[in-house]
Each structure stands twice: as structure tokens, then as C-alpha cells.
Amino acid sequence: LVEERFNVDISIKDESIQTSRFTTTFEK
């Protein structure tokens, strides 16, 4: 979603980070 909203390219090096779950709110 961050990539789409800000038109950037994001790479995640650590696979464990990719699957980590959390809850947050992206504020306007």
C-alpha cells in the first residue's frame, strides 16, 4: 500500500520481516 500511495519501490531484505504481522492506522 505504501508503494502505491507514495509511488515508490520498496525492497525487503529479511523474509522474517515480510511475514511479521501488526496492526496500525495510516493517517491521512
mmCIF file of all heavy atoms, coordinates in Angstrom:
data_MODEL
# 
_entry.id   MODEL 
# 
loop_
_atom_site.group_PDB 
_atom_site.id 
_atom_site.type_symbol 
_atom_site.label_atom_id 
_atom_site.label_alt_id 
_atom_site.label_comp_id 
_atom_site.label_asym_id 
_atom_site.label_entity_id 
_atom_site.label_seq_id 
_atom_site.pdbx_PDB_ins_code 
_atom_site.Cartn_x 
_atom_site.Cartn_y 
_atom_site.Cartn_z 
_atom_site.occupancy 
_atom_site.B_iso_or_equiv 
_atom_site.pdbx_formal_charge 
_atom_site.auth_seq_id 
_atom_site.auth_comp_id 
_atom_site.auth_asym_id 
_atom_site.auth_atom_id 
_atom_site.pdbx_PDB_model_num 
ATOM 1   N N   . LEU A 1 1  ? 0.826  -1.209  0.000  1.00 0.00 ? 1  LEU A N   1 
ATOM 2   C CA  . LEU A 1 1  ? 0.000  0.000   0.000  1.00 0.00 ? 1  LEU A CA  1 
ATOM 3   C C   . LEU A 1 1  ? 0.859  1.258   0.000  1.00 0.00 ? 1  LEU A C   1 
ATOM 4   O O   . LEU A 1 1  ? 0.521  2.251   -0.637 1.00 0.00 ? 1  LEU A O   1 
ATOM 5   C CB  . LEU A 1 1  ? -0.914 0.012   1.222  1.00 0.00 ? 1  LEU A CB  1 
ATOM 6   C CG  . LEU A 1 1  ? -2.176 -0.847  1.156  1.00 0.00 ? 1  LEU A CG  1 
ATOM 7   C CD1 . LEU A 1 1  ? -2.945 -0.717  2.457  1.00 0.00 ? 1  LEU A CD1 1 
ATOM 8   C CD2 . LEU A 1 1  ? -3.050 -0.438  -0.010 1.00 0.00 ? 1  LEU A CD2 1 
ATOM 9   N N   . VAL A 1 2  ? 1.968  1.213   0.739  1.00 0.00 ? 2  VAL A N   1 
ATOM 10  C CA  . VAL A 1 2  ? 2.878  2.360   0.787  1.00 0.00 ? 2  VAL A CA  1 
ATOM 11  C C   . VAL A 1 2  ? 3.437  2.635   -0.608 1.00 0.00 ? 2  VAL A C   1 
ATOM 12  O O   . VAL A 1 2  ? 3.514  3.794   -1.048 1.00 0.00 ? 2  VAL A O   1 
ATOM 13  C CB  . VAL A 1 2  ? 4.022  2.110   1.787  1.00 0.00 ? 2  VAL A CB  1 
ATOM 14  C CG1 . VAL A 1 2  ? 5.023  3.264   1.746  1.00 0.00 ? 2  VAL A CG1 1 
ATOM 15  C CG2 . VAL A 1 2  ? 3.472  1.948   3.198  1.00 0.00 ? 2  VAL A CG2 1 
ATOM 16  N N   . GLU A 1 3  ? 3.814  1.587   -1.308 1.00 0.00 ? 3  GLU A N   1 
ATOM 17  C CA  . GLU A 1 3  ? 4.331  1.745   -2.673 1.00 0.00 ? 3  GLU A CA  1 
ATOM 18  C C   . GLU A 1 3  ? 3.307  2.446   -3.558 1.00 0.00 ? 3  GLU A C   1 
ATOM 19  O O   . GLU A 1 3  ? 3.634  3.365   -4.315 1.00 0.00 ? 3  GLU A O   1 
ATOM 20  C CB  . GLU A 1 3  ? 4.671  0.371   -3.271 1.00 0.00 ? 3  GLU A CB  1 
ATOM 21  C CG  . GLU A 1 3  ? 5.934  -0.251  -2.733 1.00 0.00 ? 3  GLU A CG  1 
ATOM 22  C CD  . GLU A 1 3  ? 6.261  -1.546  -3.444 1.00 0.00 ? 3  GLU A CD  1 
ATOM 23  O OE1 . GLU A 1 3  ? 5.337  -2.380  -3.620 1.00 0.00 ? 3  GLU A OE1 1 
ATOM 24  O OE2 . GLU A 1 3  ? 7.421  -1.738  -3.834 1.00 0.00 ? 3  GLU A OE2 1 
ATOM 25  N N   . GLU A 1 4  ? 2.052  2.004   -3.460 1.00 0.00 ? 4  GLU A N   1 
ATOM 26  C CA  . GLU A 1 4  ? 1.005  2.565   -4.305 1.00 0.00 ? 4  GLU A CA  1 
ATOM 27  C C   . GLU A 1 4  ? 0.699  4.006   -3.928 1.00 0.00 ? 4  GLU A C   1 
ATOM 28  O O   . GLU A 1 4  ? 0.545  4.870   -4.795 1.00 0.00 ? 4  GLU A O   1 
ATOM 29  C CB  . GLU A 1 4  ? -0.261 1.711   -4.177 1.00 0.00 ? 4  GLU A CB  1 
ATOM 30  C CG  . GLU A 1 4  ? -1.419 2.212   -5.010 1.00 0.00 ? 4  GLU A CG  1 
ATOM 31  C CD  . GLU A 1 4  ? -2.665 1.376   -4.798 1.00 0.00 ? 4  GLU A CD  1 
ATOM 32  O OE1 . GLU A 1 4  ? -2.546 0.148   -4.632 1.00 0.00 ? 4  GLU A OE1 1 
ATOM 33  O OE2 . GLU A 1 4  ? -3.758 1.956   -4.771 1.00 0.00 ? 4  GLU A OE2 1 
ATOM 34  N N   . ARG A 1 5  ? 0.620  4.277   -2.623 1.00 0.00 ? 5  ARG A N   1 
ATOM 35  C CA  . ARG A 1 5  ? 0.221  5.612   -2.169 1.00 0.00 ? 5  ARG A CA  1 
ATOM 36  C C   . ARG A 1 5  ? 1.281  6.660   -2.464 1.00 0.00 ? 5  ARG A C   1 
ATOM 37  O O   . ARG A 1 5  ? 0.968  7.798   -2.811 1.00 0.00 ? 5  ARG A O   1 
ATOM 38  C CB  . ARG A 1 5  ? -0.101 5.573   -0.671 1.00 0.00 ? 5  ARG A CB  1 
ATOM 39  C CG  . ARG A 1 5  ? -0.509 6.927   -0.102 1.00 0.00 ? 5  ARG A CG  1 
ATOM 40  C CD  . ARG A 1 5  ? -1.038 6.839   1.311  1.00 0.00 ? 5  ARG A CD  1 
ATOM 41  N NE  . ARG A 1 5  ? -2.355 6.232   1.376  1.00 0.00 ? 5  ARG A NE  1 
ATOM 42  C CZ  . ARG A 1 5  ? -3.157 6.288   2.454  1.00 0.00 ? 5  ARG A CZ  1 
ATOM 43  N NH1 . ARG A 1 5  ? -2.747 6.907   3.547  1.00 0.00 ? 5  ARG A NH1 1 
ATOM 44  N NH2 . ARG A 1 5  ? -4.344 5.718   2.437  1.00 0.00 ? 5  ARG A NH2 1 
ATOM 45  N N   . PHE A 1 6  ? 2.566  6.277   -2.334 1.00 0.00 ? 6  PHE A N   1 
ATOM 46  C CA  . PHE A 1 6  ? 3.639  7.260   -2.484 1.00 0.00 ? 6  PHE A CA  1 
ATOM 47  C C   . PHE A 1 6  ? 4.452  7.084   -3.765 1.00 0.00 ? 6  PHE A C   1 
ATOM 48  O O   . PHE A 1 6  ? 5.434  7.793   -3.984 1.00 0.00 ? 6  PHE A O   1 
ATOM 49  C CB  . PHE A 1 6  ? 4.573  7.191   -1.267 1.00 0.00 ? 6  PHE A CB  1 
ATOM 50  C CG  . PHE A 1 6  ? 3.919  7.622   0.016  1.00 0.00 ? 6  PHE A CG  1 
ATOM 51  C CD1 . PHE A 1 6  ? 3.423  6.681   0.901  1.00 0.00 ? 6  PHE A CD1 1 
ATOM 52  C CD2 . PHE A 1 6  ? 3.778  8.962   0.335  1.00 0.00 ? 6  PHE A CD2 1 
ATOM 53  C CE1 . PHE A 1 6  ? 2.815  7.066   2.087  1.00 0.00 ? 6  PHE A CE1 1 
ATOM 54  C CE2 . PHE A 1 6  ? 3.176  9.363   1.519  1.00 0.00 ? 6  PHE A CE2 1 
ATOM 55  C CZ  . PHE A 1 6  ? 2.693  8.412   2.407  1.00 0.00 ? 6  PHE A CZ  1 
ATOM 56  N N   . ASN A 1 7  ? 4.051  6.121   -4.602 1.00 0.00 ? 7  ASN A N   1 
ATOM 57  C CA  . ASN A 1 7  ? 4.709  5.894   -5.883 1.00 0.00 ? 7  ASN A CA  1 
ATOM 58  C C   . ASN A 1 7  ? 6.210  5.665   -5.716 1.00 0.00 ? 7  ASN A C   1 
ATOM 59  O O   . ASN A 1 7  ? 7.047  6.335   -6.336 1.00 0.00 ? 7  ASN A O   1 
ATOM 60  C CB  . ASN A 1 7  ? 4.457  7.072   -6.836 1.00 0.00 ? 7  ASN A CB  1 
ATOM 61  C CG  . ASN A 1 7  ? 4.822  6.737   -8.267 1.00 0.00 ? 7  ASN A CG  1 
ATOM 62  O OD1 . ASN A 1 7  ? 4.789  5.577   -8.674 1.00 0.00 ? 7  ASN A OD1 1 
ATOM 63  N ND2 . ASN A 1 7  ? 5.194  7.748   -9.030 1.00 0.00 ? 7  ASN A ND2 1 
ATOM 64  N N   . VAL A 1 8  ? 6.554  4.712   -4.862 1.00 0.00 ? 8  VAL A N   1 
ATOM 65  C CA  . VAL A 1 8  ? 7.950  4.352   -4.617 1.00 0.00 ? 8  VAL A CA  1 
ATOM 66  C C   . VAL A 1 8  ? 8.116  2.842   -4.782 1.00 0.00 ? 8  VAL A C   1 
ATOM 67  O O   . VAL A 1 8  ? 7.129  2.099   -4.842 1.00 0.00 ? 8  VAL A O   1 
ATOM 68  C CB  . VAL A 1 8  ? 8.402  4.763   -3.197 1.00 0.00 ? 8  VAL A CB  1 
ATOM 69  C CG1 . VAL A 1 8  ? 8.417  6.277   -3.062 1.00 0.00 ? 8  VAL A CG1 1 
ATOM 70  C CG2 . VAL A 1 8  ? 7.517  4.128   -2.131 1.00 0.00 ? 8  VAL A CG2 1 
ATOM 71  N N   . ASP A 1 9  ? 9.373  2.412   -4.851 1.00 0.00 ? 9  ASP A N   1 
ATOM 72  C CA  . ASP A 1 9  ? 9.691  0.989   -4.949 1.00 0.00 ? 9  ASP A CA  1 
ATOM 73  C C   . ASP A 1 9  ? 10.328 0.551   -3.632 1.00 0.00 ? 9  ASP A C   1 
ATOM 74  O O   . ASP A 1 9  ? 11.324 1.144   -3.199 1.00 0.00 ? 9  ASP A O   1 
ATOM 75  C CB  . ASP A 1 9  ? 10.641 0.739   -6.123 1.00 0.00 ? 9  ASP A CB  1 
ATOM 76  C CG  . ASP A 1 9  ? 10.971 -0.729  -6.268 1.00 0.00 ? 9  ASP A CG  1 
ATOM 77  O OD1 . ASP A 1 9  ? 10.035 -1.525  -6.409 1.00 0.00 ? 9  ASP A OD1 1 
ATOM 78  O OD2 . ASP A 1 9  ? 12.170 -1.065  -6.219 1.00 0.00 ? 9  ASP A OD2 1 
ATOM 79  N N   . ILE A 1 10 ? 9.788  -0.498  -3.010 1.00 0.00 ? 10 ILE A N   1 
ATOM 80  C CA  . ILE A 1 10 ? 10.275 -0.944  -1.707 1.00 0.00 ? 10 ILE A CA  1 
ATOM 81  C C   . ILE A 1 10 ? 10.756 -2.387  -1.794 1.00 0.00 ? 10 ILE A C   1 
ATOM 82  O O   . ILE A 1 10 ? 10.051 -3.263  -2.300 1.00 0.00 ? 10 ILE A O   1 
ATOM 83  C CB  . ILE A 1 10 ? 9.182  -0.825  -0.632 1.00 0.00 ? 10 ILE A CB  1 
ATOM 84  C CG1 . ILE A 1 10 ? 8.702  0.629   -0.518 1.00 0.00 ? 10 ILE A CG1 1 
ATOM 85  C CG2 . ILE A 1 10 ? 9.692  -1.315  0.722  1.00 0.00 ? 10 ILE A CG2 1 
ATOM 86  C CD1 . ILE A 1 10 ? 7.581  0.827   0.483  1.00 0.00 ? 10 ILE A CD1 1 
ATOM 87  N N   . SER A 1 11 ? 11.957 -2.625  -1.265 1.00 0.00 ? 11 SER A N   1 
ATOM 88  C CA  . SER A 1 11 ? 12.522 -3.977  -1.186 1.00 0.00 ? 11 SER A CA  1 
ATOM 89  C C   . SER A 1 11 ? 12.697 -4.347  0.290  1.00 0.00 ? 11 SER A C   1 
ATOM 90  O O   . SER A 1 11 ? 13.138 -3.522  1.091  1.00 0.00 ? 11 SER A O   1 
ATOM 91  C CB  . SER A 1 11 ? 13.870 -4.054  -1.900 1.00 0.00 ? 11 SER A CB  1 
ATOM 92  O OG  . SER A 1 11 ? 13.746 -3.718  -3.267 1.00 0.00 ? 11 SER A OG  1 
ATOM 93  N N   . ILE A 1 12 ? 12.353 -5.587  0.623  1.00 0.00 ? 12 ILE A N   1 
ATOM 94  C CA  . ILE A 1 12 ? 12.506 -6.081  1.994  1.00 0.00 ? 12 ILE A CA  1 
ATOM 95  C C   . ILE A 1 12 ? 13.551 -7.181  1.977  1.00 0.00 ? 12 ILE A C   1 
ATOM 96  O O   . ILE A 1 12 ? 13.368 -8.226  1.346  1.00 0.00 ? 12 ILE A O   1 
ATOM 97  C CB  . ILE A 1 12 ? 11.178 -6.621  2.550  1.00 0.00 ? 12 ILE A CB  1 
ATOM 98  C CG1 . ILE A 1 12 ? 10.068 -5.581  2.391  1.00 0.00 ? 12 ILE A CG1 1 
ATOM 99  C CG2 . ILE A 1 12 ? 11.331 -6.997  4.020  1.00 0.00 ? 12 ILE A CG2 1 
ATOM 100 C CD1 . ILE A 1 12 ? 8.696  -6.083  2.783  1.00 0.00 ? 12 ILE A CD1 1 
ATOM 101 N N   . LYS A 1 13 ? 14.659 -6.950  2.680  1.00 0.00 ? 13 LYS A N   1 
ATOM 102 C CA  . LYS A 1 13 ? 15.769 -7.896  2.633  1.00 0.00 ? 13 LYS A CA  1 
ATOM 103 C C   . LYS A 1 13 ? 15.506 -9.157  3.442  1.00 0.00 ? 13 LYS A C   1 
ATOM 104 O O   . LYS A 1 13 ? 15.867 -10.260 3.039  1.00 0.00 ? 13 LYS A O   1 
ATOM 105 C CB  . LYS A 1 13 ? 17.044 -7.227  3.146  1.00 0.00 ? 13 LYS A CB  1 
ATOM 106 C CG  . LYS A 1 13 ? 17.685 -6.272  2.141  1.00 0.00 ? 13 LYS A CG  1 
ATOM 107 C CD  . LYS A 1 13 ? 19.059 -5.844  2.621  1.00 0.00 ? 13 LYS A CD  1 
ATOM 108 C CE  . LYS A 1 13 ? 19.794 -5.057  1.534  1.00 0.00 ? 13 LYS A CE  1 
ATOM 109 N NZ  . LYS A 1 13 ? 21.158 -4.674  1.957  1.00 0.00 ? 13 LYS A NZ  1 
ATOM 110 N N   . ASP A 1 14 ? 14.902 -9.013  4.611  1.00 0.00 ? 14 ASP A N   1 
ATOM 111 C CA  . ASP A 1 14 ? 14.734 -10.130 5.543  1.00 0.00 ? 14 ASP A CA  1 
ATOM 112 C C   . ASP A 1 14 ? 13.341 -10.733 5.394  1.00 0.00 ? 14 ASP A C   1 
ATOM 113 O O   . ASP A 1 14 ? 12.331 -10.054 5.580  1.00 0.00 ? 14 ASP A O   1 
ATOM 114 C CB  . ASP A 1 14 ? 14.934 -9.633  6.980  1.00 0.00 ? 14 ASP A CB  1 
ATOM 115 C CG  . ASP A 1 14 ? 15.100 -10.779 7.972  1.00 0.00 ? 14 ASP A CG  1 
ATOM 116 O OD1 . ASP A 1 14 ? 14.450 -11.825 7.760  1.00 0.00 ? 14 ASP A OD1 1 
ATOM 117 O OD2 . ASP A 1 14 ? 15.858 -10.623 8.940  1.00 0.00 ? 14 ASP A OD2 1 
ATOM 118 N N   . GLU A 1 15 ? 13.287 -12.026 5.059  1.00 0.00 ? 15 GLU A N   1 
ATOM 119 C CA  . GLU A 1 15 ? 11.992 -12.677 4.845  1.00 0.00 ? 15 GLU A CA  1 
ATOM 120 C C   . GLU A 1 15 ? 11.149 -12.697 6.109  1.00 0.00 ? 15 GLU A C   1 
ATOM 121 O O   . GLU A 1 15 ? 9.918  -12.612 6.057  1.00 0.00 ? 15 GLU A O   1 
ATOM 122 C CB  . GLU A 1 15 ? 12.206 -14.110 4.340  1.00 0.00 ? 15 GLU A CB  1 
ATOM 123 C CG  . GLU A 1 15 ? 10.905 -14.813 3.955  1.00 0.00 ? 15 GLU A CG  1 
ATOM 124 C CD  . GLU A 1 15 ? 11.140 -16.166 3.321  1.00 0.00 ? 15 GLU A CD  1 
ATOM 125 O OE1 . GLU A 1 15 ? 12.278 -16.424 2.864  1.00 0.00 ? 15 GLU A OE1 1 
ATOM 126 O OE2 . GLU A 1 15 ? 10.189 -16.965 3.289  1.00 0.00 ? 15 GLU A OE2 1 
ATOM 127 N N   . SER A 1 16 ? 11.790 -12.799 7.270  1.00 0.00 ? 16 SER A N   1 
ATOM 128 C CA  . SER A 1 16 ? 11.041 -12.831 8.524  1.00 0.00 ? 16 SER A CA  1 
ATOM 129 C C   . SER A 1 16 ? 10.304 -11.527 8.757  1.00 0.00 ? 16 SER A C   1 
ATOM 130 O O   . SER A 1 16 ? 9.232  -11.499 9.375  1.00 0.00 ? 16 SER A O   1 
ATOM 131 C CB  . SER A 1 16 ? 11.975 -13.124 9.698  1.00 0.00 ? 16 SER A CB  1 
ATOM 132 O OG  . SER A 1 16 ? 12.925 -12.072 9.866  1.00 0.00 ? 16 SER A OG  1 
ATOM 133 N N   . ILE A 1 17 ? 10.851 -10.429 8.267  1.00 0.00 ? 17 ILE A N   1 
ATOM 134 C CA  . ILE A 1 17 ? 10.179 -9.141  8.389  1.00 0.00 ? 17 ILE A CA  1 
ATOM 135 C C   . ILE A 1 17 ? 8.951  -9.103  7.487  1.00 0.00 ? 17 ILE A C   1 
ATOM 136 O O   . ILE A 1 17 ? 7.896  -8.582  7.854  1.00 0.00 ? 17 ILE A O   1 
ATOM 137 C CB  . ILE A 1 17 ? 11.138 -7.988  8.031  1.00 0.00 ? 17 ILE A CB  1 
ATOM 138 C CG1 . ILE A 1 17 ? 12.284 -7.920  9.030  1.00 0.00 ? 17 ILE A CG1 1 
ATOM 139 C CG2 . ILE A 1 17 ? 10.392 -6.654  8.006  1.00 0.00 ? 17 ILE A CG2 1 
ATOM 140 C CD1 . ILE A 1 17 ? 13.306 -6.858  8.709  1.00 0.00 ? 17 ILE A CD1 1 
ATOM 141 N N   . GLN A 1 18 ? 9.060  -9.676  6.298  1.00 0.00 ? 18 GLN A N   1 
ATOM 142 C CA  . GLN A 1 18 ? 7.946  -9.662  5.346  1.00 0.00 ? 18 GLN A CA  1 
ATOM 143 C C   . GLN A 1 18 ? 6.696  -10.278 5.951  1.00 0.00 ? 18 GLN A C   1 
ATOM 144 O O   . GLN A 1 18 ? 5.577  -9.789  5.728  1.00 0.00 ? 18 GLN A O   1 
ATOM 145 C CB  . GLN A 1 18 ? 8.318  -10.437 4.078  1.00 0.00 ? 18 GLN A CB  1 
ATOM 146 C CG  . GLN A 1 18 ? 9.406  -9.807  3.252  1.00 0.00 ? 18 GLN A CG  1 
ATOM 147 C CD  . GLN A 1 18 ? 9.605  -10.551 1.939  1.00 0.00 ? 18 GLN A CD  1 
ATOM 148 O OE1 . GLN A 1 18 ? 8.632  -10.929 1.284  1.00 0.00 ? 18 GLN A OE1 1 
ATOM 149 N NE2 . GLN A 1 18 ? 10.838 -10.753 1.547  1.00 0.00 ? 18 GLN A NE2 1 
ATOM 150 N N   . THR A 1 19 ? 6.851  -11.346 6.708  1.00 0.00 ? 19 THR A N   1 
ATOM 151 C CA  . THR A 1 19 ? 5.697  -12.084 7.230  1.00 0.00 ? 19 THR A CA  1 
ATOM 152 C C   . THR A 1 19 ? 5.289  -11.651 8.627  1.00 0.00 ? 19 THR A C   1 
ATOM 153 O O   . THR A 1 19 ? 4.324  -12.180 9.181  1.00 0.00 ? 19 THR A O   1 
ATOM 154 C CB  . THR A 1 19 ? 5.998  -13.585 7.234  1.00 0.00 ? 19 THR A CB  1 
ATOM 155 O OG1 . THR A 1 19 ? 7.194  -13.829 7.997  1.00 0.00 ? 19 THR A OG1 1 
ATOM 156 C CG2 . THR A 1 19 ? 6.213  -14.097 5.815  1.00 0.00 ? 19 THR A CG2 1 
ATOM 157 N N   . SER A 1 20 ? 6.002  -10.710 9.207  1.00 0.00 ? 20 SER A N   1 
ATOM 158 C CA  . SER A 1 20 ? 5.644  -10.217 10.537 1.00 0.00 ? 20 SER A CA  1 
ATOM 159 C C   . SER A 1 20 ? 4.306  -9.490  10.469 1.00 0.00 ? 20 SER A C   1 
ATOM 160 O O   . SER A 1 20 ? 4.067  -8.675  9.579  1.00 0.00 ? 20 SER A O   1 
ATOM 161 C CB  . SER A 1 20 ? 6.732  -9.272  11.052 1.00 0.00 ? 20 SER A CB  1 
ATOM 162 O OG  . SER A 1 20 ? 6.381  -8.727  12.305 1.00 0.00 ? 20 SER A OG  1 
ATOM 163 N N   . ARG A 1 21 ? 3.408  -9.762  11.425 1.00 0.00 ? 21 ARG A N   1 
ATOM 164 C CA  . ARG A 1 21 ? 2.067  -9.178  11.414 1.00 0.00 ? 21 ARG A CA  1 
ATOM 165 C C   . ARG A 1 21 ? 1.924  -8.082  12.465 1.00 0.00 ? 21 ARG A C   1 
ATOM 166 O O   . ARG A 1 21 ? 2.484  -8.193  13.559 1.00 0.00 ? 21 ARG A O   1 
ATOM 167 C CB  . ARG A 1 21 ? 0.994  -10.245 11.646 1.00 0.00 ? 21 ARG A CB  1 
ATOM 168 C CG  . ARG A 1 21 ? 0.856  -11.197 10.470 1.00 0.00 ? 21 ARG A CG  1 
ATOM 169 C CD  . ARG A 1 21 ? -0.338 -12.128 10.624 1.00 0.00 ? 21 ARG A CD  1 
ATOM 170 N NE  . ARG A 1 21 ? -0.531 -12.895 9.405  1.00 0.00 ? 21 ARG A NE  1 
ATOM 171 C CZ  . ARG A 1 21 ? -1.247 -12.477 8.374  1.00 0.00 ? 21 ARG A CZ  1 
ATOM 172 N NH1 . ARG A 1 21 ? -1.872 -11.311 8.442  1.00 0.00 ? 21 ARG A NH1 1 
ATOM 173 N NH2 . ARG A 1 21 ? -1.376 -13.205 7.301  1.00 0.00 ? 21 ARG A NH2 1 
ATOM 174 N N   . PHE A 1 22 ? 1.140  -7.077  12.146 1.00 0.00 ? 22 PHE A N   1 
ATOM 175 C CA  . PHE A 1 22 ? 0.914  -5.983  13.084 1.00 0.00 ? 22 PHE A CA  1 
ATOM 176 C C   . PHE A 1 22 ? -0.353 -5.241  12.707 1.00 0.00 ? 22 PHE A C   1 
ATOM 177 O O   . PHE A 1 22 ? -0.943 -5.475  11.649 1.00 0.00 ? 22 PHE A O   1 
ATOM 178 C CB  . PHE A 1 22 ? 2.114  -5.032  13.099 1.00 0.00 ? 22 PHE A CB  1 
ATOM 179 C CG  . PHE A 1 22 ? 2.274  -4.194  11.860 1.00 0.00 ? 22 PHE A CG  1 
ATOM 180 C CD1 . PHE A 1 22 ? 2.108  -2.816  11.897 1.00 0.00 ? 22 PHE A CD1 1 
ATOM 181 C CD2 . PHE A 1 22 ? 2.595  -4.783  10.631 1.00 0.00 ? 22 PHE A CD2 1 
ATOM 182 C CE1 . PHE A 1 22 ? 2.257  -2.038  10.756 1.00 0.00 ? 22 PHE A CE1 1 
ATOM 183 C CE2 . PHE A 1 22 ? 2.743  -4.013  9.487  1.00 0.00 ? 22 PHE A CE2 1 
ATOM 184 C CZ  . PHE A 1 22 ? 2.573  -2.638  9.548  1.00 0.00 ? 22 PHE A CZ  1 
ATOM 185 N N   . THR A 1 23 ? -0.788 -4.340  13.570 1.00 0.00 ? 23 THR A N   1 
ATOM 186 C CA  . THR A 1 23 ? -1.971 -3.520  13.331 1.00 0.00 ? 23 THR A CA  1 
ATOM 187 C C   . THR A 1 23 ? -1.599 -2.055  13.496 1.00 0.00 ? 23 THR A C   1 
ATOM 188 O O   . THR A 1 23 ? -0.936 -1.681  14.464 1.00 0.00 ? 23 THR A O   1 
ATOM 189 C CB  . THR A 1 23 ? -3.102 -3.880  14.314 1.00 0.00 ? 23 THR A CB  1 
ATOM 190 O OG1 . THR A 1 23 ? -3.518 -5.230  14.088 1.00 0.00 ? 23 THR A OG1 1 
ATOM 191 C CG2 . THR A 1 23 ? -4.307 -2.955  14.131 1.00 0.00 ? 23 THR A CG2 1 
ATOM 192 N N   . THR A 1 24 ? -2.022 -1.244  12.545 1.00 0.00 ? 24 THR A N   1 
ATOM 193 C CA  . THR A 1 24 ? -1.723 0.180   12.620 1.00 0.00 ? 24 THR A CA  1 
ATOM 194 C C   . THR A 1 24 ? -2.742 0.957   11.796 1.00 0.00 ? 24 THR A C   1 
ATOM 195 O O   . THR A 1 24 ? -3.590 0.361   11.125 1.00 0.00 ? 24 THR A O   1 
ATOM 196 C CB  . THR A 1 24 ? -0.301 0.479   12.101 1.00 0.00 ? 24 THR A CB  1 
ATOM 197 O OG1 . THR A 1 24 ? 0.038  1.842   12.375 1.00 0.00 ? 24 THR A OG1 1 
ATOM 198 C CG2 . THR A 1 24 ? -0.204 0.239   10.600 1.00 0.00 ? 24 THR A CG2 1 
ATOM 199 N N   . THR A 1 25 ? -2.659 2.265   11.856 1.00 0.00 ? 25 THR A N   1 
ATOM 200 C CA  . THR A 1 25 ? -3.505 3.133   11.029 1.00 0.00 ? 25 THR A CA  1 
ATOM 201 C C   . THR A 1 25 ? -2.624 4.077   10.230 1.00 0.00 ? 25 THR A C   1 
ATOM 202 O O   . THR A 1 25 ? -1.758 4.746   10.789 1.00 0.00 ? 25 THR A O   1 
ATOM 203 C CB  . THR A 1 25 ? -4.473 3.957   11.901 1.00 0.00 ? 25 THR A CB  1 
ATOM 204 O OG1 . THR A 1 25 ? -5.367 3.073   12.583 1.00 0.00 ? 25 THR A OG1 1 
ATOM 205 C CG2 . THR A 1 25 ? -5.295 4.913   11.034 1.00 0.00 ? 25 THR A CG2 1 
ATOM 206 N N   . PHE A 1 26 ? -2.816 4.088   8.917  1.00 0.00 ? 26 PHE A N   1 
ATOM 207 C CA  . PHE A 1 26 ? -2.146 5.066   8.068  1.00 0.00 ? 26 PHE A CA  1 
ATOM 208 C C   . PHE A 1 26 ? -3.000 6.332   8.079  1.00 0.00 ? 26 PHE A C   1 
ATOM 209 O O   . PHE A 1 26 ? -4.118 6.338   7.572  1.00 0.00 ? 26 PHE A O   1 
ATOM 210 C CB  . PHE A 1 26 ? -2.017 4.544   6.639  1.00 0.00 ? 26 PHE A CB  1 
ATOM 211 C CG  . PHE A 1 26 ? -0.926 3.523   6.449  1.00 0.00 ? 26 PHE A CG  1 
ATOM 212 C CD1 . PHE A 1 26 ? -0.724 2.932   5.211  1.00 0.00 ? 26 PHE A CD1 1 
ATOM 213 C CD2 . PHE A 1 26 ? -0.103 3.144   7.498  1.00 0.00 ? 26 PHE A CD2 1 
ATOM 214 C CE1 . PHE A 1 26 ? 0.279  1.987   5.020  1.00 0.00 ? 26 PHE A CE1 1 
ATOM 215 C CE2 . PHE A 1 26 ? 0.898  2.203   7.326  1.00 0.00 ? 26 PHE A CE2 1 
ATOM 216 C CZ  . PHE A 1 26 ? 1.089  1.625   6.087  1.00 0.00 ? 26 PHE A CZ  1 
ATOM 217 N N   . GLU A 1 27 ? -2.485 7.377   8.665  1.00 0.00 ? 27 GLU A N   1 
ATOM 218 C CA  . GLU A 1 27 ? -3.264 8.597   8.797  1.00 0.00 ? 27 GLU A CA  1 
ATOM 219 C C   . GLU A 1 27 ? -3.211 9.425   7.518  1.00 0.00 ? 27 GLU A C   1 
ATOM 220 O O   . GLU A 1 27 ? -2.199 9.470   6.819  1.00 0.00 ? 27 GLU A O   1 
ATOM 221 C CB  . GLU A 1 27 ? -2.742 9.424   9.973  1.00 0.00 ? 27 GLU A CB  1 
ATOM 222 C CG  . GLU A 1 27 ? -2.877 8.715   11.312 1.00 0.00 ? 27 GLU A CG  1 
ATOM 223 C CD  . GLU A 1 27 ? -2.294 9.527   12.453 1.00 0.00 ? 27 GLU A CD  1 
ATOM 224 O OE1 . GLU A 1 27 ? -1.624 10.545  12.181 1.00 0.00 ? 27 GLU A OE1 1 
ATOM 225 O OE2 . GLU A 1 27 ? -2.513 9.142   13.612 1.00 0.00 ? 27 GLU A OE2 1 
ATOM 226 N N   . LYS A 1 28 ? -4.322 10.097  7.247  1.00 0.00 ? 28 LYS A N   1 
ATOM 227 C CA  . LYS A 1 28 ? -4.392 10.969  6.084  1.00 0.00 ? 28 LYS A CA  1 
ATOM 228 C C   . LYS A 1 28 ? -3.328 12.061  6.190  1.00 0.00 ? 28 LYS A C   1 
ATOM 229 O O   . LYS A 1 28 ? -3.156 12.680  7.245  1.00 0.00 ? 28 LYS A O   1 
ATOM 230 C CB  . LYS A 1 28 ? -5.764 11.619  5.995  1.00 0.00 ? 28 LYS A CB  1 
ATOM 231 C CG  . LYS A 1 28 ? -5.904 12.618  4.854  1.00 0.00 ? 28 LYS A CG  1 
ATOM 232 C CD  . LYS A 1 28 ? -7.235 13.339  4.902  1.00 0.00 ? 28 LYS A CD  1 
ATOM 233 C CE  . LYS A 1 28 ? -7.317 14.391  3.801  1.00 0.00 ? 28 LYS A CE  1 
ATOM 234 N NZ  . LYS A 1 28 ? -8.589 15.153  3.849  1.00 0.00 ? 28 LYS A NZ  1 
# 
